[in-house]
Amino acid sequence: MFIEIEDEELHEIRAAFAKCDEDGSGAITKDELGSILQSLGQYFSEKALIELMNNSDLNNDGYITFHEFLSLYKKQVLFKVQEEKLRKAFNICDYDGNGFVTLEELKHIINEVGENLNEEQIITMIKEVDMDGDDRINFEEFIQLMKNQ
């Protein structure tokens, strides 16, 4: 999922990075990483920070540059926010709360938002993302459906 950062948020992230880069080296340690994430409202355990550090330190020098941090931020923070929004949208579509969006539920939603699609077109939408062939859309398939739109 492609995630963009608005200019204002990028400025906030850059400022938080600079503030936590205590020695001004342009790179941060694991402890500084934890401080930055906390200043941006994200909290991770010590174990999770070590894992983030290991996965983000591309040249394995024990430090994370701003570029590496930005990549980590997109993957760990913004993706979670995006996924939460998609979960809420999925739950709105899943009227009966059974964990699936059916043809009838999707038809209702499409009608509610004013789209002019016939049943055959909606069935085609479902078939394009229905990986398990059960003629329903689960959450993972819903994410794929949203990517296709």
C-alpha atoms as a PDB file:
ATOM      1  CA  MET A   1       0.000   0.000   0.000  1.00  0.00           C
ATOM      2  CA  PHE A   2       1.537   3.302  -1.073  1.00  0.00           C
ATOM      3  CA  ILE A   3       1.514   5.797   1.771  1.00  0.00           C
ATOM      4  CA  GLU A   4       2.313   9.468   1.345  1.00  0.00           C
ATOM      5  CA  ILE A   5       3.351  11.884   4.053  1.00  0.00           C
ATOM      6  CA  GLU A   6       1.960  15.409   3.942  1.00  0.00           C
ATOM      7  CA  ASP A   7       4.489  18.271   4.039  1.00  0.00           C
ATOM      8  CA  GLU A   8       3.416  19.396   7.508  1.00  0.00           C
ATOM      9  CA  GLU A   9       3.790  15.893   8.918  1.00  0.00           C
ATOM     10  CA  LEU A  10       7.169  15.480   7.210  1.00  0.00           C
ATOM     11  CA  HIS A  11       8.310  18.714   8.849  1.00  0.00           C
ATOM     12  CA  GLU A  12       7.129  17.398  12.241  1.00  0.00           C
ATOM     13  CA  ILE A  13       8.959  14.099  11.704  1.00  0.00           C
ATOM     14  CA  ARG A  14      12.149  15.870  10.607  1.00  0.00           C
ATOM     15  CA  ALA A  15      11.988  18.178  13.664  1.00  0.00           C
ATOM     16  CA  ALA A  16      11.467  15.211  16.011  1.00  0.00           C
ATOM     17  CA  PHE A  17      14.402  13.407  14.394  1.00  0.00           C
ATOM     18  CA  ALA A  18      16.675  16.446  14.734  1.00  0.00           C
ATOM     19  CA  LYS A  19      15.637  16.968  18.367  1.00  0.00           C
ATOM     20  CA  CYS A  20      16.377  13.340  19.277  1.00  0.00           C
ATOM     21  CA  ASP A  21      19.626  13.207  17.301  1.00  0.00           C
ATOM     22  CA  GLU A  22      21.421  14.362  20.447  1.00  0.00           C
ATOM     23  CA  ASP A  23      24.921  14.471  18.981  1.00  0.00           C
ATOM     24  CA  GLY A  24      23.836  16.018  15.666  1.00  0.00           C
ATOM     25  CA  SER A  25      25.395  13.179  13.671  1.00  0.00           C
ATOM     26  CA  GLY A  26      22.442  12.780  11.299  1.00  0.00           C
ATOM     27  CA  ALA A  27      21.843   9.277  12.611  1.00  0.00           C
ATOM     28  CA  ILE A  28      20.164   7.937  15.722  1.00  0.00           C
ATOM     29  CA  THR A  29      20.648   5.062  18.137  1.00  0.00           C
ATOM     30  CA  LYS A  30      18.006   2.620  19.369  1.00  0.00           C
ATOM     31  CA  ASP A  31      17.372   4.768  22.464  1.00  0.00           C
ATOM     32  CA  GLU A  32      16.988   7.887  20.332  1.00  0.00           C
ATOM     33  CA  LEU A  33      14.630   5.925  18.068  1.00  0.00           C
ATOM     34  CA  GLY A  34      12.415   5.199  21.056  1.00  0.00           C
ATOM     35  CA  SER A  35      12.427   8.899  21.991  1.00  0.00           C
ATOM     36  CA  ILE A  36      11.436   9.982  18.483  1.00  0.00           C
ATOM     37  CA  LEU A  37       8.618   7.481  18.257  1.00  0.00           C
ATOM     38  CA  GLN A  38       7.337   8.526  21.691  1.00  0.00           C
ATOM     39  CA  SER A  39       7.415  12.201  20.683  1.00  0.00           C
ATOM     40  CA  LEU A  40       5.263  11.219  17.688  1.00  0.00           C
ATOM     41  CA  GLY A  41       2.809   9.360  19.948  1.00  0.00           C
ATOM     42  CA  GLN A  42       4.010   5.831  19.204  1.00  0.00           C
ATOM     43  CA  TYR A  43       5.159   3.463  21.933  1.00  0.00           C
ATOM     44  CA  PHE A  44       7.111   0.260  21.403  1.00  0.00           C
ATOM     45  CA  SER A  45       8.572  -2.254  23.848  1.00  0.00           C
ATOM     46  CA  GLU A  46      12.348  -2.627  24.169  1.00  0.00           C
ATOM     47  CA  LYS A  47      12.142  -5.868  22.179  1.00  0.00           C
ATOM     48  CA  ALA A  48      10.099  -4.186  19.432  1.00  0.00           C
ATOM     49  CA  LEU A  49      12.575  -1.289  19.278  1.00  0.00           C
ATOM     50  CA  ILE A  50      15.465  -3.717  18.816  1.00  0.00           C
ATOM     51  CA  GLU A  51      13.549  -5.440  16.023  1.00  0.00           C
ATOM     52  CA  LEU A  52      12.702  -2.084  14.394  1.00  0.00           C
ATOM     53  CA  MET A  53      16.340  -1.056  14.653  1.00  0.00           C
ATOM     54  CA  ASN A  54      17.580  -4.310  13.109  1.00  0.00           C
ATOM     55  CA  ASN A  55      15.041  -4.140  10.278  1.00  0.00           C
ATOM     56  CA  SER A  56      15.692  -0.451   9.547  1.00  0.00           C
ATOM     57  CA  ASP A  57      19.472  -0.207   9.838  1.00  0.00           C
ATOM     58  CA  LEU A  58      20.157  -0.998   6.197  1.00  0.00           C
ATOM     59  CA  ASN A  59      23.958  -0.803   6.404  1.00  0.00           C
ATOM     60  CA  ASN A  60      24.126  -2.528   9.824  1.00  0.00           C
ATOM     61  CA  ASP A  61      26.175   0.231  11.447  1.00  0.00           C
ATOM     62  CA  GLY A  62      24.020   0.436  14.588  1.00  0.00           C
ATOM     63  CA  TYR A  63      22.471   3.751  13.591  1.00  0.00           C
ATOM     64  CA  ILE A  64      19.424   4.840  11.640  1.00  0.00           C
ATOM     65  CA  THR A  65      19.657   7.775   9.246  1.00  0.00           C
ATOM     66  CA  PHE A  66      16.708  10.064   8.600  1.00  0.00           C
ATOM     67  CA  HIS A  67      16.020   8.261   5.318  1.00  0.00           C
ATOM     68  CA  GLU A  68      15.977   4.884   7.111  1.00  0.00           C
ATOM     69  CA  PHE A  69      13.772   6.347   9.838  1.00  0.00           C
ATOM     70  CA  LEU A  70      11.306   7.745   7.317  1.00  0.00           C
ATOM     71  CA  SER A  71      10.988   4.322   5.712  1.00  0.00           C
ATOM     72  CA  LEU A  72      10.441   2.743   9.140  1.00  0.00           C
ATOM     73  CA  TYR A  73       7.842   5.398   9.999  1.00  0.00           C
ATOM     74  CA  LYS A  74       5.885   4.727   6.832  1.00  0.00           C
ATOM     75  CA  LYS A  75       5.910   0.968   7.395  1.00  0.00           C
ATOM     76  CA  GLN A  76       5.283   0.870  11.126  1.00  0.00           C
ATOM     77  CA  VAL A  77       3.239   3.931  11.974  1.00  0.00           C
ATOM     78  CA  LEU A  78       1.407   5.187   8.918  1.00  0.00           C
ATOM     79  CA  PHE A  79       0.506   1.709   7.718  1.00  0.00           C
ATOM     80  CA  LYS A  80      -1.096   0.962  11.102  1.00  0.00           C
ATOM     81  CA  VAL A  81      -3.137   4.161  10.868  1.00  0.00           C
ATOM     82  CA  GLN A  82      -4.183   3.291   7.315  1.00  0.00           C
ATOM     83  CA  GLU A  83      -5.060  -0.252   8.343  1.00  0.00           C
ATOM     84  CA  GLU A  84      -7.207   1.045  11.223  1.00  0.00           C
ATOM     85  CA  LYS A  85      -9.127   3.275   8.791  1.00  0.00           C
ATOM     86  CA  LEU A  86      -9.649   0.325   6.455  1.00  0.00           C
ATOM     87  CA  ARG A  87     -10.815  -1.826   9.386  1.00  0.00           C
ATOM     88  CA  LYS A  88     -13.451   0.810  10.248  1.00  0.00           C
ATOM     89  CA  ALA A  89     -14.582   0.962   6.610  1.00  0.00           C
ATOM     90  CA  PHE A  90     -14.743  -2.842   6.482  1.00  0.00           C
ATOM     91  CA  ASN A  91     -16.838  -2.948   9.647  1.00  0.00           C
ATOM     92  CA  ILE A  92     -19.261  -0.424   8.139  1.00  0.00           C
ATOM     93  CA  CYS A  93     -19.675  -2.656   5.072  1.00  0.00           C
ATOM     94  CA  ASP A  94     -20.019  -5.824   7.158  1.00  0.00           C
ATOM     95  CA  TYR A  95     -23.567  -5.121   8.371  1.00  0.00           C
ATOM     96  CA  ASP A  96     -24.108  -8.422  10.162  1.00  0.00           C
ATOM     97  CA  GLY A  97     -20.647  -8.390  11.781  1.00  0.00           C
ATOM     98  CA  ASN A  98     -19.737 -11.894  10.625  1.00  0.00           C
ATOM     99  CA  GLY A  99     -16.281 -10.879   9.347  1.00  0.00           C
ATOM    100  CA  PHE A 100     -17.254 -10.945   5.674  1.00  0.00           C
ATOM    101  CA  VAL A 101     -18.758  -8.563   3.134  1.00  0.00           C
ATOM    102  CA  THR A 102     -21.314 -10.395   1.015  1.00  0.00           C
ATOM    103  CA  LEU A 103     -22.753  -9.527  -2.367  1.00  0.00           C
ATOM    104  CA  GLU A 104     -25.882  -8.096  -0.718  1.00  0.00           C
ATOM    105  CA  GLU A 105     -23.844  -5.961   1.694  1.00  0.00           C
ATOM    106  CA  LEU A 106     -21.617  -4.667  -1.097  1.00  0.00           C
ATOM    107  CA  LYS A 107     -24.633  -3.901  -3.287  1.00  0.00           C
ATOM    108  CA  HIS A 108     -26.156  -1.921  -0.431  1.00  0.00           C
ATOM    109  CA  ILE A 109     -22.972   0.087   0.186  1.00  0.00           C
ATOM    110  CA  ILE A 110     -22.471   0.821  -3.502  1.00  0.00           C
ATOM    111  CA  ASN A 111     -26.068   1.999  -3.731  1.00  0.00           C
ATOM    112  CA  GLU A 112     -25.633   4.144  -0.577  1.00  0.00           C
ATOM    113  CA  VAL A 113     -22.628   5.983  -2.015  1.00  0.00           C
ATOM    114  CA  GLY A 114     -24.437   6.610  -5.281  1.00  0.00           C
ATOM    115  CA  GLU A 115     -22.375   4.399  -7.573  1.00  0.00           C
ATOM    116  CA  ASN A 116     -24.264   3.090 -10.566  1.00  0.00           C
ATOM    117  CA  LEU A 117     -23.068  -0.516 -10.835  1.00  0.00           C
ATOM    118  CA  ASN A 118     -25.213  -3.462 -11.796  1.00  0.00           C
ATOM    119  CA  GLU A 119     -25.104  -6.798  -9.975  1.00  0.00           C
ATOM    120  CA  GLU A 120     -22.855  -8.367 -12.613  1.00  0.00           C
ATOM    121  CA  GLN A 121     -20.272  -5.589 -12.143  1.00  0.00           C
ATOM    122  CA  ILE A 122     -20.378  -6.034  -8.367  1.00  0.00           C
ATOM    123  CA  ILE A 123     -19.961  -9.813  -8.711  1.00  0.00           C
ATOM    124  CA  THR A 124     -16.943  -9.145 -10.928  1.00  0.00           C
ATOM    125  CA  MET A 125     -15.481  -6.861  -8.214  1.00  0.00           C
ATOM    126  CA  ILE A 126     -15.879  -9.632  -5.651  1.00  0.00           C
ATOM    127  CA  LYS A 127     -14.374 -12.295  -7.921  1.00  0.00           C
ATOM    128  CA  GLU A 128     -11.314 -10.099  -8.592  1.00  0.00           C
ATOM    129  CA  VAL A 129     -10.341 -10.136  -4.913  1.00  0.00           C
ATOM    130  CA  ASP A 130     -11.999 -13.318  -3.600  1.00  0.00           C
ATOM    131  CA  MET A 131      -8.835 -15.364  -3.081  1.00  0.00           C
ATOM    132  CA  ASP A 132     -10.482 -18.257  -1.253  1.00  0.00           C
ATOM    133  CA  GLY A 133     -13.429 -18.567  -3.652  1.00  0.00           C
ATOM    134  CA  ASP A 134     -16.160 -18.336  -1.013  1.00  0.00           C
ATOM    135  CA  ASP A 135     -18.022 -15.506  -2.833  1.00  0.00           C
ATOM    136  CA  ARG A 136     -17.468 -13.206   0.173  1.00  0.00           C
ATOM    137  CA  ILE A 137     -14.819 -10.632   0.987  1.00  0.00           C
ATOM    138  CA  ASN A 138     -12.782 -11.029   4.180  1.00  0.00           C
ATOM    139  CA  PHE A 139     -10.647  -8.188   5.582  1.00  0.00           C
ATOM    140  CA  GLU A 140      -7.487  -9.072   3.638  1.00  0.00           C
ATOM    141  CA  GLU A 141      -9.483  -9.265   0.415  1.00  0.00           C
ATOM    142  CA  PHE A 142     -11.171  -5.958   1.324  1.00  0.00           C
ATOM    143  CA  ILE A 143      -7.747  -4.298   1.521  1.00  0.00           C
ATOM    144  CA  GLN A 144      -7.027  -5.596  -1.982  1.00  0.00           C
ATOM    145  CA  LEU A 145     -10.404  -4.300  -3.187  1.00  0.00           C
ATOM    146  CA  MET A 146      -9.589  -0.827  -1.832  1.00  0.00           C
ATOM    147  CA  LYS A 147      -6.179  -0.913  -3.537  1.00  0.00           C
ATOM    148  CA  ASN A 148      -7.887  -1.675  -6.852  1.00  0.00           C
ATOM    149  CA  GLN A 149     -10.220   1.319  -6.644  1.00  0.00           C
END
